[in-house]
Amino acid sequence: MLPDPVQRFIDAEIAANVTDFSDLRAVFINGTLKRSPQASHTDGLIAVSKHVLRGAGARVDVIRTVDHVIPPGVYPDMREQGWPGDDFPDLYRQIIEPAHILVLATPIWLGDQ
């Protein structure tokens, strides 16, 4: 995805890193509208940062929201508001809450943010 000189530079910086970040945990929330395994530009952008973080030893998780049942609402568990399912409480407890870094990645479509 990146031009070769840029990728080589990033890989060299990762290789030169002497700090251990294995105790660091990051999670990306990918707001693409494309379901897995369909290619997503947002996923491509995440891949660059994910590569750097993993190269430094960090644990990285990605949640692609479109692949989960996450109803709209403001309550912690929308099942209590009558929705038949809500994956968010488990995703939050198992992946988001333990993370040290949270990145929200949203698509920019047709030049609009």
PDB file of N, CA and C in Angstrom:
ATOM      1  N   MET A   1       0.819  -1.195   0.000  1.00  0.00           N
ATOM      2  CA  MET A   1       0.000   0.000   0.000  1.00  0.00           C
ATOM      3  C   MET A   1       0.865   1.261   0.000  1.00  0.00           C
ATOM      4  N   LEU A   2       1.927   1.255   0.773  1.00  0.00           N
ATOM      5  CA  LEU A   2       2.815   2.409   0.822  1.00  0.00           C
ATOM      6  C   LEU A   2       3.895   2.298  -0.246  1.00  0.00           C
ATOM      7  N   PRO A   3       4.409   3.435  -0.693  1.00  0.00           N
ATOM      8  CA  PRO A   3       5.549   3.368  -1.613  1.00  0.00           C
ATOM      9  C   PRO A   3       6.721   2.651  -0.929  1.00  0.00           C
ATOM     10  N   ASP A   4       7.497   1.911  -1.705  1.00  0.00           N
ATOM     11  CA  ASP A   4       8.598   1.123  -1.152  1.00  0.00           C
ATOM     12  C   ASP A   4       9.552   1.919  -0.266  1.00  0.00           C
ATOM     13  N   PRO A   5       9.976   3.131  -0.658  1.00  0.00           N
ATOM     14  CA  PRO A   5      10.891   3.874   0.219  1.00  0.00           C
ATOM     15  C   PRO A   5      10.271   4.205   1.581  1.00  0.00           C
ATOM     16  N   VAL A   6       8.991   4.516   1.580  1.00  0.00           N
ATOM     17  CA  VAL A   6       8.308   4.826   2.839  1.00  0.00           C
ATOM     18  C   VAL A   6       8.221   3.567   3.702  1.00  0.00           C
ATOM     19  N   GLN A   7       7.846   2.441   3.085  1.00  0.00           N
ATOM     20  CA  GLN A   7       7.749   1.180   3.832  1.00  0.00           C
ATOM     21  C   GLN A   7       9.107   0.776   4.399  1.00  0.00           C
ATOM     22  N   ARG A   8      10.150   0.941   3.608  1.00  0.00           N
ATOM     23  CA  ARG A   8      11.506   0.614   4.093  1.00  0.00           C
ATOM     24  C   ARG A   8      11.896   1.499   5.270  1.00  0.00           C
ATOM     25  N   PHE A   9      11.551   2.789   5.191  1.00  0.00           N
ATOM     26  CA  PHE A   9      11.848   3.706   6.293  1.00  0.00           C
ATOM     27  C   PHE A   9      11.125   3.271   7.571  1.00  0.00           C
ATOM     28  N   ILE A  10       9.840   2.975   7.453  1.00  0.00           N
ATOM     29  CA  ILE A  10       9.058   2.545   8.616  1.00  0.00           C
ATOM     30  C   ILE A  10       9.640   1.263   9.197  1.00  0.00           C
ATOM     31  N   ASP A  11       9.945   0.305   8.349  1.00  0.00           N
ATOM     32  CA  ASP A  11      10.505  -0.966   8.828  1.00  0.00           C
ATOM     33  C   ASP A  11      11.860  -0.762   9.498  1.00  0.00           C
ATOM     34  N   ALA A  12      12.673   0.153   8.980  1.00  0.00           N
ATOM     35  CA  ALA A  12      13.975   0.440   9.596  1.00  0.00           C
ATOM     36  C   ALA A  12      13.796   1.077  10.970  1.00  0.00           C
ATOM     37  N   GLU A  13      12.826   1.968  11.097  1.00  0.00           N
ATOM     38  CA  GLU A  13      12.554   2.598  12.393  1.00  0.00           C
ATOM     39  C   GLU A  13      12.060   1.567  13.408  1.00  0.00           C
ATOM     40  N   ILE A  14      11.217   0.662  12.957  1.00  0.00           N
ATOM     41  CA  ILE A  14      10.737  -0.407  13.849  1.00  0.00           C
ATOM     42  C   ILE A  14      11.911  -1.278  14.288  1.00  0.00           C
ATOM     43  N   ALA A  15      12.758  -1.646  13.350  1.00  0.00           N
ATOM     44  CA  ALA A  15      13.912  -2.504  13.665  1.00  0.00           C
ATOM     45  C   ALA A  15      14.882  -1.817  14.623  1.00  0.00           C
ATOM     46  N   ALA A  16      14.980  -0.487  14.550  1.00  0.00           N
ATOM     47  CA  ALA A  16      15.907   0.263  15.409  1.00  0.00           C
ATOM     48  C   ALA A  16      15.350   0.496  16.812  1.00  0.00           C
ATOM     49  N   ASN A  17      14.064   0.230  17.002  1.00  0.00           N
ATOM     50  CA  ASN A  17      13.447   0.459  18.307  1.00  0.00           C
ATOM     51  C   ASN A  17      14.060  -0.461  19.371  1.00  0.00           C
ATOM     52  N   VAL A  18      14.436   0.105  20.498  1.00  0.00           N
ATOM     53  CA  VAL A  18      15.023  -0.698  21.578  1.00  0.00           C
ATOM     54  C   VAL A  18      14.107  -0.766  22.803  1.00  0.00           C
ATOM     55  N   THR A  19      12.987  -0.068  22.752  1.00  0.00           N
ATOM     56  CA  THR A  19      12.057  -0.071  23.879  1.00  0.00           C
ATOM     57  C   THR A  19      11.072  -1.222  23.742  1.00  0.00           C
ATOM     58  N   ASP A  20      10.810  -1.899  24.862  1.00  0.00           N
ATOM     59  CA  ASP A  20       9.869  -3.021  24.865  1.00  0.00           C
ATOM     60  C   ASP A  20       8.462  -2.500  25.157  1.00  0.00           C
ATOM     61  N   PHE A  21       7.591  -2.606  24.190  1.00  0.00           N
ATOM     62  CA  PHE A  21       6.203  -2.175  24.354  1.00  0.00           C
ATOM     63  C   PHE A  21       5.249  -3.364  24.447  1.00  0.00           C
ATOM     64  N   SER A  22       5.758  -4.521  24.862  1.00  0.00           N
ATOM     65  CA  SER A  22       4.923  -5.719  24.906  1.00  0.00           C
ATOM     66  C   SER A  22       3.818  -5.638  25.958  1.00  0.00           C
ATOM     67  N   ASP A  23       3.911  -4.680  26.879  1.00  0.00           N
ATOM     68  CA  ASP A  23       2.856  -4.519  27.885  1.00  0.00           C
ATOM     69  C   ASP A  23       1.790  -3.518  27.437  1.00  0.00           C
ATOM     70  N   LEU A  24       1.925  -2.994  26.226  1.00  0.00           N
ATOM     71  CA  LEU A  24       0.996  -2.006  25.693  1.00  0.00           C
ATOM     72  C   LEU A  24      -0.057  -2.694  24.830  1.00  0.00           C
ATOM     73  N   ARG A  25      -1.290  -2.229  24.956  1.00  0.00           N
ATOM     74  CA  ARG A  25      -2.400  -2.813  24.194  1.00  0.00           C
ATOM     75  C   ARG A  25      -3.168  -1.699  23.499  1.00  0.00           C
ATOM     76  N   ALA A  26      -3.396  -1.873  22.205  1.00  0.00           N
ATOM     77  CA  ALA A  26      -4.126  -0.882  21.419  1.00  0.00           C
ATOM     78  C   ALA A  26      -5.311  -1.537  20.735  1.00  0.00           C
ATOM     79  N   VAL A  27      -6.370  -0.773  20.555  1.00  0.00           N
ATOM     80  CA  VAL A  27      -7.531  -1.264  19.825  1.00  0.00           C
ATOM     81  C   VAL A  27      -7.962  -0.189  18.822  1.00  0.00           C
ATOM     82  N   PHE A  28      -8.205  -0.627  17.596  1.00  0.00           N
ATOM     83  CA  PHE A  28      -8.733   0.228  16.542  1.00  0.00           C
ATOM     84  C   PHE A  28     -10.200  -0.131  16.365  1.00  0.00           C
ATOM     85  N   ILE A  29     -11.058   0.878  16.328  1.00  0.00           N
ATOM     86  CA  ILE A  29     -12.454   0.662  15.975  1.00  0.00           C
ATOM     87  C   ILE A  29     -12.617   1.172  14.551  1.00  0.00           C
ATOM     88  N   ASN A  30     -12.861   0.230  13.628  1.00  0.00           N
ATOM     89  CA  ASN A  30     -12.969   0.536  12.213  1.00  0.00           C
ATOM     90  C   ASN A  30     -14.441   0.752  11.871  1.00  0.00           C
ATOM     91  N   GLY A  31     -14.774   1.976  11.487  1.00  0.00           N
ATOM     92  CA  GLY A  31     -16.153   2.328  11.170  1.00  0.00           C
ATOM     93  C   GLY A  31     -16.526   2.171   9.705  1.00  0.00           C
ATOM     94  N   THR A  32     -15.754   1.381   8.938  1.00  0.00           N
ATOM     95  CA  THR A  32     -16.087   1.184   7.533  1.00  0.00           C
ATOM     96  C   THR A  32     -17.497   0.617   7.383  1.00  0.00           C
ATOM     97  N   LEU A  33     -18.081   0.854   6.228  1.00  0.00           N
ATOM     98  CA  LEU A  33     -19.400   0.304   5.928  1.00  0.00           C
ATOM     99  C   LEU A  33     -19.317  -1.018   5.179  1.00  0.00           C
ATOM    100  N   LYS A  34     -18.092  -1.456   4.889  1.00  0.00           N
ATOM    101  CA  LYS A  34     -17.876  -2.694   4.126  1.00  0.00           C
ATOM    102  C   LYS A  34     -17.631  -3.857   5.079  1.00  0.00           C
ATOM    103  N   ARG A  35     -18.404  -4.922   4.901  1.00  0.00           N
ATOM    104  CA  ARG A  35     -18.248  -6.109   5.752  1.00  0.00           C
ATOM    105  C   ARG A  35     -17.000  -6.893   5.392  1.00  0.00           C
ATOM    106  N   SER A  36     -16.456  -7.589   6.364  1.00  0.00           N
ATOM    107  CA  SER A  36     -15.314  -8.480   6.131  1.00  0.00           C
ATOM    108  C   SER A  36     -15.764  -9.614   5.225  1.00  0.00           C
ATOM    109  N   PRO A  37     -14.933 -10.048   4.346  1.00  0.00           N
ATOM    110  CA  PRO A  37     -13.537  -9.697   4.093  1.00  0.00           C
ATOM    111  C   PRO A  37     -13.371  -8.648   2.996  1.00  0.00           C
ATOM    112  N   GLN A  38     -14.416  -7.897   2.674  1.00  0.00           N
ATOM    113  CA  GLN A  38     -14.336  -6.904   1.605  1.00  0.00           C
ATOM    114  C   GLN A  38     -13.257  -5.866   1.924  1.00  0.00           C
ATOM    115  N   ALA A  39     -12.494  -5.488   0.907  1.00  0.00           N
ATOM    116  CA  ALA A  39     -11.426  -4.497   1.086  1.00  0.00           C
ATOM    117  C   ALA A  39     -12.011  -3.155   1.504  1.00  0.00           C
ATOM    118  N   SER A  40     -11.286  -2.465   2.378  1.00  0.00           N
ATOM    119  CA  SER A  40     -11.730  -1.187   2.910  1.00  0.00           C
ATOM    120  C   SER A  40     -10.545  -0.230   2.959  1.00  0.00           C
ATOM    121  N   HIS A  41     -10.736   0.986   2.480  1.00  0.00           N
ATOM    122  CA  HIS A  41      -9.670   1.984   2.559  1.00  0.00           C
ATOM    123  C   HIS A  41      -9.354   2.300   4.024  1.00  0.00           C
ATOM    124  N   THR A  42     -10.361   2.310   4.863  1.00  0.00           N
ATOM    125  CA  THR A  42     -10.151   2.566   6.285  1.00  0.00           C
ATOM    126  C   THR A  42      -9.268   1.476   6.876  1.00  0.00           C
ATOM    127  N   ASP A  43      -9.501   0.246   6.480  1.00  0.00           N
ATOM    128  CA  ASP A  43      -8.665  -0.869   6.930  1.00  0.00           C
ATOM    129  C   ASP A  43      -7.224  -0.688   6.457  1.00  0.00           C
ATOM    130  N   GLY A  44      -7.054  -0.169   5.249  1.00  0.00           N
ATOM    131  CA  GLY A  44      -5.711   0.088   4.730  1.00  0.00           C
ATOM    132  C   GLY A  44      -4.965   1.116   5.556  1.00  0.00           C
ATOM    133  N   LEU A  45      -5.657   2.161   5.995  1.00  0.00           N
ATOM    134  CA  LEU A  45      -5.027   3.172   6.846  1.00  0.00           C
ATOM    135  C   LEU A  45      -4.671   2.592   8.209  1.00  0.00           C
ATOM    136  N   ILE A  46      -5.565   1.778   8.745  1.00  0.00           N
ATOM    137  CA  ILE A  46      -5.298   1.128  10.031  1.00  0.00           C
ATOM    138  C   ILE A  46      -4.072   0.231   9.926  1.00  0.00           C
ATOM    139  N   ALA A  47      -3.914  -0.430   8.791  1.00  0.00           N
ATOM    140  CA  ALA A  47      -2.817  -1.383   8.619  1.00  0.00           C
ATOM    141  C   ALA A  47      -1.451  -0.747   8.846  1.00  0.00           C
ATOM    142  N   VAL A  48      -1.290   0.506   8.460  1.00  0.00           N
ATOM    143  CA  VAL A  48      -0.006   1.186   8.630  1.00  0.00           C
ATOM    144  C   VAL A  48       0.305   1.360  10.115  1.00  0.00           C
ATOM    145  N   SER A  49      -0.630   1.924  10.870  1.00  0.00           N
ATOM    146  CA  SER A  49      -0.419   2.127  12.305  1.00  0.00           C
ATOM    147  C   SER A  49      -0.314   0.804  13.053  1.00  0.00           C
ATOM    148  N   LYS A  50      -1.129  -0.161  12.641  1.00  0.00           N
ATOM    149  CA  LYS A  50      -1.096  -1.485  13.267  1.00  0.00           C
ATOM    150  C   LYS A  50       0.278  -2.123  13.079  1.00  0.00           C
ATOM    151  N   HIS A  51       0.857  -1.974  11.895  1.00  0.00           N
ATOM    152  CA  HIS A  51       2.184  -2.521  11.604  1.00  0.00           C
ATOM    153  C   HIS A  51       3.239  -1.897  12.523  1.00  0.00           C
ATOM    154  N   VAL A  52       3.170  -0.593  12.720  1.00  0.00           N
ATOM    155  CA  VAL A  52       4.134   0.095  13.582  1.00  0.00           C
ATOM    156  C   VAL A  52       3.980  -0.363  15.029  1.00  0.00           C
ATOM    157  N   LEU A  53       2.749  -0.405  15.523  1.00  0.00           N
ATOM    158  CA  LEU A  53       2.513  -0.810  16.911  1.00  0.00           C
ATOM    159  C   LEU A  53       2.937  -2.254  17.160  1.00  0.00           C
ATOM    160  N   ARG A  54       2.561  -3.144  16.246  1.00  0.00           N
ATOM    161  CA  ARG A  54       2.965  -4.554  16.408  1.00  0.00           C
ATOM    162  C   ARG A  54       4.480  -4.706  16.292  1.00  0.00           C
ATOM    163  N   GLY A  55       5.082  -3.922  15.405  1.00  0.00           N
ATOM    164  CA  GLY A  55       6.524  -3.961  15.257  1.00  0.00           C
ATOM    165  C   GLY A  55       7.251  -3.536  16.522  1.00  0.00           C
ATOM    166  N   ALA A  56       6.610  -2.680  17.311  1.00  0.00           N
ATOM    167  CA  ALA A  56       7.183  -2.229  18.581  1.00  0.00           C
ATOM    168  C   ALA A  56       6.829  -3.179  19.724  1.00  0.00           C
ATOM    169  N   GLY A  57       6.077  -4.232  19.412  1.00  0.00           N
ATOM    170  CA  GLY A  57       5.762  -5.240  20.419  1.00  0.00           C
ATOM    171  C   GLY A  57       4.392  -5.128  21.054  1.00  0.00           C
ATOM    172  N   ALA A  58       3.621  -4.119  20.697  1.00  0.00           N
ATOM    173  CA  ALA A  58       2.305  -3.925  21.305  1.00  0.00           C
ATOM    174  C   ALA A  58       1.300  -4.951  20.784  1.00  0.00           C
ATOM    175  N   ARG A  59       0.349  -5.270  21.625  1.00  0.00           N
ATOM    176  CA  ARG A  59      -0.780  -6.103  21.189  1.00  0.00           C
ATOM    177  C   ARG A  59      -1.796  -5.190  20.522  1.00  0.00           C
ATOM    178  N   VAL A  60      -2.292  -5.588  19.359  1.00  0.00           N
ATOM    179  CA  VAL A  60      -3.229  -4.756  18.608  1.00  0.00           C
ATOM    180  C   VAL A  60      -4.463  -5.570  18.239  1.00  0.00           C
ATOM    181  N   ASP A  61      -5.632  -5.006  18.530  1.00  0.00           N
ATOM    182  CA  ASP A  61      -6.907  -5.597  18.139  1.00  0.00           C
ATOM    183  C   ASP A  61      -7.634  -4.614  17.234  1.00  0.00           C
ATOM    184  N   VAL A  62      -8.428  -5.141  16.312  1.00  0.00           N
ATOM    185  CA  VAL A  62      -9.249  -4.310  15.435  1.00  0.00           C
ATOM    186  C   VAL A  62     -10.682  -4.804  15.531  1.00  0.00           C
ATOM    187  N   ILE A  63     -11.578  -3.872  15.774  1.00  0.00           N
ATOM    188  CA  ILE A  63     -13.012  -4.176  15.784  1.00  0.00           C
ATOM    189  C   ILE A  63     -13.612  -3.506  14.551  1.00  0.00           C
ATOM    190  N   ARG A  64     -14.139  -4.299  13.657  1.00  0.00           N
ATOM    191  CA  ARG A  64     -14.820  -3.769  12.467  1.00  0.00           C
ATOM    192  C   ARG A  64     -16.301  -3.755  12.816  1.00  0.00           C
ATOM    193  N   THR A  65     -16.825  -2.585  13.151  1.00  0.00           N
ATOM    194  CA  THR A  65     -18.160  -2.481  13.736  1.00  0.00           C
ATOM    195  C   THR A  65     -19.257  -3.080  12.865  1.00  0.00           C
ATOM    196  N   VAL A  66     -19.119  -2.980  11.553  1.00  0.00           N
ATOM    197  CA  VAL A  66     -20.153  -3.478  10.653  1.00  0.00           C
ATOM    198  C   VAL A  66     -20.308  -5.003  10.754  1.00  0.00           C
ATOM    199  N   ASP A  67     -19.294  -5.680  11.275  1.00  0.00           N
ATOM    200  CA  ASP A  67     -19.346  -7.133  11.423  1.00  0.00           C
ATOM    201  C   ASP A  67     -19.998  -7.570  12.735  1.00  0.00           C
ATOM    202  N   HIS A  68     -20.495  -6.613  13.506  1.00  0.00           N
ATOM    203  CA  HIS A  68     -21.097  -6.916  14.809  1.00  0.00           C
ATOM    204  C   HIS A  68     -22.496  -6.323  14.896  1.00  0.00           C
ATOM    205  N   VAL A  69     -23.266  -6.823  15.829  1.00  0.00           N
ATOM    206  CA  VAL A  69     -24.580  -6.263  16.119  1.00  0.00           C
ATOM    207  C   VAL A  69     -24.378  -5.198  17.189  1.00  0.00           C
ATOM    208  N   ILE A  70     -24.420  -3.925  16.761  1.00  0.00           N
ATOM    209  CA  ILE A  70     -24.258  -2.802  17.680  1.00  0.00           C
ATOM    210  C   ILE A  70     -25.387  -1.817  17.387  1.00  0.00           C
ATOM    211  N   PRO A  71     -26.494  -1.942  18.111  1.00  0.00           N
ATOM    212  CA  PRO A  71     -27.625  -1.056  17.843  1.00  0.00           C
ATOM    213  C   PRO A  71     -27.343   0.375  18.308  1.00  0.00           C
ATOM    214  N   PRO A  72     -28.032   1.343  17.705  1.00  0.00           N
ATOM    215  CA  PRO A  72     -27.855   2.728  18.148  1.00  0.00           C
ATOM    216  C   PRO A  72     -28.475   2.922  19.526  1.00  0.00           C
ATOM    217  N   GLY A  73     -27.924   3.832  20.274  1.00  0.00           N
ATOM    218  CA  GLY A  73     -28.490   4.130  21.582  1.00  0.00           C
ATOM    219  C   GLY A  73     -27.446   4.652  22.540  1.00  0.00           C
ATOM    220  N   VAL A  74     -27.895   5.047  23.714  1.00  0.00           N
ATOM    221  CA  VAL A  74     -26.999   5.653  24.703  1.00  0.00           C
ATOM    222  C   VAL A  74     -26.872   4.819  25.973  1.00  0.00           C
ATOM    223  N   TYR A  75     -27.434   3.631  25.975  1.00  0.00           N
ATOM    224  CA  TYR A  75     -27.360   2.775  27.159  1.00  0.00           C
ATOM    225  C   TYR A  75     -26.235   1.754  27.008  1.00  0.00           C
ATOM    226  N   PRO A  76     -25.628   1.337  28.107  1.00  0.00           N
ATOM    227  CA  PRO A  76     -24.509   0.386  28.032  1.00  0.00           C
ATOM    228  C   PRO A  76     -24.856  -0.938  27.360  1.00  0.00           C
ATOM    229  N   ASP A  77     -26.088  -1.379  27.506  1.00  0.00           N
ATOM    230  CA  ASP A  77     -26.527  -2.635  26.894  1.00  0.00           C
ATOM    231  C   ASP A  77     -27.925  -2.410  26.330  1.00  0.00           C
ATOM    232  N   MET A  78     -28.014  -2.293  25.015  1.00  0.00           N
ATOM    233  CA  MET A  78     -29.285  -1.957  24.388  1.00  0.00           C
ATOM    234  C   MET A  78     -30.291  -3.104  24.419  1.00  0.00           C
ATOM    235  N   ARG A  79     -29.855  -4.301  24.833  1.00  0.00           N
ATOM    236  CA  ARG A  79     -30.810  -5.397  25.018  1.00  0.00           C
ATOM    237  C   ARG A  79     -31.797  -5.045  26.122  1.00  0.00           C
ATOM    238  N   GLU A  80     -31.332  -4.261  27.082  1.00  0.00           N
ATOM    239  CA  GLU A  80     -32.215  -3.831  28.170  1.00  0.00           C
ATOM    240  C   GLU A  80     -33.253  -2.820  27.695  1.00  0.00           C
ATOM    241  N   GLN A  81     -33.077  -2.299  26.479  1.00  0.00           N
ATOM    242  CA  GLN A  81     -34.016  -1.339  25.900  1.00  0.00           C
ATOM    243  C   GLN A  81     -34.858  -1.978  24.797  1.00  0.00           C
ATOM    244  N   GLY A  82     -34.832  -3.318  24.734  1.00  0.00           N
ATOM    245  CA  GLY A  82     -35.697  -4.025  23.794  1.00  0.00           C
ATOM    246  C   GLY A  82     -35.032  -4.521  22.522  1.00  0.00           C
ATOM    247  N   TRP A  83     -33.747  -4.234  22.319  1.00  0.00           N
ATOM    248  CA  TRP A  83     -33.067  -4.739  21.138  1.00  0.00           C
ATOM    249  C   TRP A  83     -32.792  -6.221  21.320  1.00  0.00           C
ATOM    250  N   PRO A  84     -32.938  -7.022  20.247  1.00  0.00           N
ATOM    251  CA  PRO A  84     -32.726  -8.479  20.384  1.00  0.00           C
ATOM    252  C   PRO A  84     -31.271  -8.867  20.626  1.00  0.00           C
ATOM    253  N   GLY A  85     -30.329  -8.013  20.248  1.00  0.00           N
ATOM    254  CA  GLY A  85     -28.920  -8.343  20.448  1.00  0.00           C
ATOM    255  C   GLY A  85     -28.080  -7.088  20.556  1.00  0.00           C
ATOM    256  N   ASP A  86     -26.939  -7.202  21.241  1.00  0.00           N
ATOM    257  CA  ASP A  86     -26.000  -6.096  21.372  1.00  0.00           C
ATOM    258  C   ASP A  86     -24.631  -6.679  21.689  1.00  0.00           C
ATOM    259  N   ASP A  87     -23.727  -6.633  20.718  1.00  0.00           N
ATOM    260  CA  ASP A  87     -22.371  -7.156  20.913  1.00  0.00           C
ATOM    261  C   ASP A  87     -21.470  -6.200  21.677  1.00  0.00           C
ATOM    262  N   PHE A  88     -21.878  -4.923  21.772  1.00  0.00           N
ATOM    263  CA  PHE A  88     -20.974  -3.927  22.328  1.00  0.00           C
ATOM    264  C   PHE A  88     -20.556  -4.184  23.776  1.00  0.00           C
ATOM    265  N   PRO A  89     -21.447  -4.597  24.672  1.00  0.00           N
ATOM    266  CA  PRO A  89     -20.985  -4.805  26.054  1.00  0.00           C
ATOM    267  C   PRO A  89     -19.821  -5.792  26.153  1.00  0.00           C
ATOM    268  N   ASP A  90     -19.882  -6.888  25.419  1.00  0.00           N
ATOM    269  CA  ASP A  90     -18.785  -7.861  25.461  1.00  0.00           C
ATOM    270  C   ASP A  90     -17.526  -7.319  24.787  1.00  0.00           C
ATOM    271  N   LEU A  91     -17.687  -6.636  23.653  1.00  0.00           N
ATOM    272  CA  LEU A  91     -16.531  -6.034  22.982  1.00  0.00           C
ATOM    273  C   LEU A  91     -15.850  -5.031  23.906  1.00  0.00           C
ATOM    274  N   TYR A  92     -16.649  -4.235  24.585  1.00  0.00           N
ATOM    275  CA  TYR A  92     -16.089  -3.239  25.489  1.00  0.00           C
ATOM    276  C   TYR A  92     -15.313  -3.907  26.633  1.00  0.00           C
ATOM    277  N   ARG A  93     -15.937  -4.851  27.274  1.00  0.00           N
ATOM    278  CA  ARG A  93     -15.331  -5.509  28.441  1.00  0.00           C
ATOM    279  C   ARG A  93     -14.068  -6.295  28.072  1.00  0.00           C
ATOM    280  N   GLN A  94     -14.103  -7.001  26.951  1.00  0.00           N
ATOM    281  CA  GLN A  94     -13.004  -7.899  26.588  1.00  0.00           C
ATOM    282  C   GLN A  94     -11.879  -7.223  25.806  1.00  0.00           C
ATOM    283  N   ILE A  95     -12.195  -6.208  24.999  1.00  0.00           N
ATOM    284  CA  ILE A  95     -11.188  -5.645  24.097  1.00  0.00           C
ATOM    285  C   ILE A  95     -10.911  -4.163  24.356  1.00  0.00           C
ATOM    286  N   ILE A  96     -11.947  -3.351  24.488  1.00  0.00           N
ATOM    287  CA  ILE A  96     -11.756  -1.903  24.594  1.00  0.00           C
ATOM    288  C   ILE A  96     -11.276  -1.484  25.980  1.00  0.00           C
ATOM    289  N   GLU A  97     -11.958  -1.942  27.016  1.00  0.00           N
ATOM    290  CA  GLU A  97     -11.601  -1.512  28.380  1.00  0.00           C
ATOM    291  C   GLU A  97     -10.158  -1.845  28.764  1.00  0.00           C
ATOM    292  N   PRO A  98      -9.614  -3.014  28.410  1.00  0.00           N
ATOM    293  CA  PRO A  98      -8.230  -3.312  28.784  1.00  0.00           C
ATOM    294  C   PRO A  98      -7.173  -2.563  27.962  1.00  0.00           C
ATOM    295  N   ALA A  99      -7.589  -1.883  26.900  1.00  0.00           N
ATOM    296  CA  ALA A  99      -6.626  -1.220  26.015  1.00  0.00           C
ATOM    297  C   ALA A  99      -6.072   0.062  26.635  1.00  0.00           C
ATOM    298  N   HIS A 100      -4.837   0.367  26.277  1.00  0.00           N
ATOM    299  CA  HIS A 100      -4.191   1.610  26.685  1.00  0.00           C
ATOM    300  C   HIS A 100      -4.372   2.692  25.624  1.00  0.00           C
ATOM    301  N   ILE A 101      -4.565   2.250  24.377  1.00  0.00           N
ATOM    302  CA  ILE A 101      -4.727   3.163  23.246  1.00  0.00           C
ATOM    303  C   ILE A 101      -6.011   2.790  22.518  1.00  0.00           C
ATOM    304  N   LEU A 102      -6.838   3.797  22.236  1.00  0.00           N
ATOM    305  CA  LEU A 102      -8.066   3.595  21.471  1.00  0.00           C
ATOM    306  C   LEU A 102      -8.022   4.519  20.257  1.00  0.00           C
ATOM    307  N   VAL A 103      -8.136   3.930  19.065  1.00  0.00           N
ATOM    308  CA  VAL A 103      -8.140   4.706  17.830  1.00  0.00           C
ATOM    309  C   VAL A 103      -9.473   4.486  17.135  1.00  0.00           C
ATOM    310  N   LEU A 104     -10.176   5.585  16.865  1.00  0.00           N
ATOM    311  CA  LEU A 104     -11.423   5.519  16.112  1.00  0.00           C
ATOM    312  C   LEU A 104     -11.103   5.852  14.662  1.00  0.00           C
ATOM    313  N   ALA A 105     -11.320   4.908  13.780  1.00  0.00           N
ATOM    314  CA  ALA A 105     -11.019   5.087  12.356  1.00  0.00           C
ATOM    315  C   ALA A 105     -12.325   5.109  11.585  1.00  0.00           C
ATOM    316  N   THR A 106     -12.622   6.252  11.008  1.00  0.00           N
ATOM    317  CA  THR A 106     -13.869   6.392  10.262  1.00  0.00           C
ATOM    318  C   THR A 106     -13.560   6.703   8.810  1.00  0.00           C
ATOM    319  N   PRO A 107     -14.426   6.265   7.905  1.00  0.00           N
ATOM    320  CA  PRO A 107     -14.184   6.545   6.493  1.00  0.00           C
ATOM    321  C   PRO A 107     -14.438   8.015   6.163  1.00  0.00           C
ATOM    322  N   ILE A 108     -13.712   8.487   5.178  1.00  0.00           N
ATOM    323  CA  ILE A 108     -14.001   9.791   4.573  1.00  0.00           C
ATOM    324  C   ILE A 108     -14.506   9.435   3.186  1.00  0.00           C
ATOM    325  N   TRP A 109     -15.730   9.802   2.914  1.00  0.00           N
ATOM    326  CA  TRP A 109     -16.369   9.339   1.696  1.00  0.00           C
ATOM    327  C   TRP A 109     -16.673  10.514   0.796  1.00  0.00           C
ATOM    328  N   LEU A 110     -16.250  10.431  -0.432  1.00  0.00           N
ATOM    329  CA  LEU A 110     -16.478  11.466  -1.427  1.00  0.00           C
ATOM    330  C   LEU A 110     -15.946  12.827  -0.958  1.00  0.00           C
ATOM    331  N   GLY A 111     -14.863  12.807  -0.182  1.00  0.00           N
ATOM    332  CA  GLY A 111     -14.235  14.035   0.269  1.00  0.00           C
ATOM    333  C   GLY A 111     -14.893  14.668   1.474  1.00  0.00           C
ATOM    334  N   ASP A 112     -15.959  14.075   2.008  1.00  0.00           N
ATOM    335  CA  ASP A 112     -16.624  14.610   3.191  1.00  0.00           C
ATOM    336  C   ASP A 112     -16.190  13.848   4.418  1.00  0.00           C
ATOM    337  N   GLN A 113     -16.012  14.575   5.505  1.00  0.00           N
ATOM    338  CA  GLN A 113     -15.646  13.893   6.755  1.00  0.00           C
ATOM    339  C   GLN A 113     -16.899  13.556   7.530  1.00  0.00           C
TER     340      GLN A 113
END
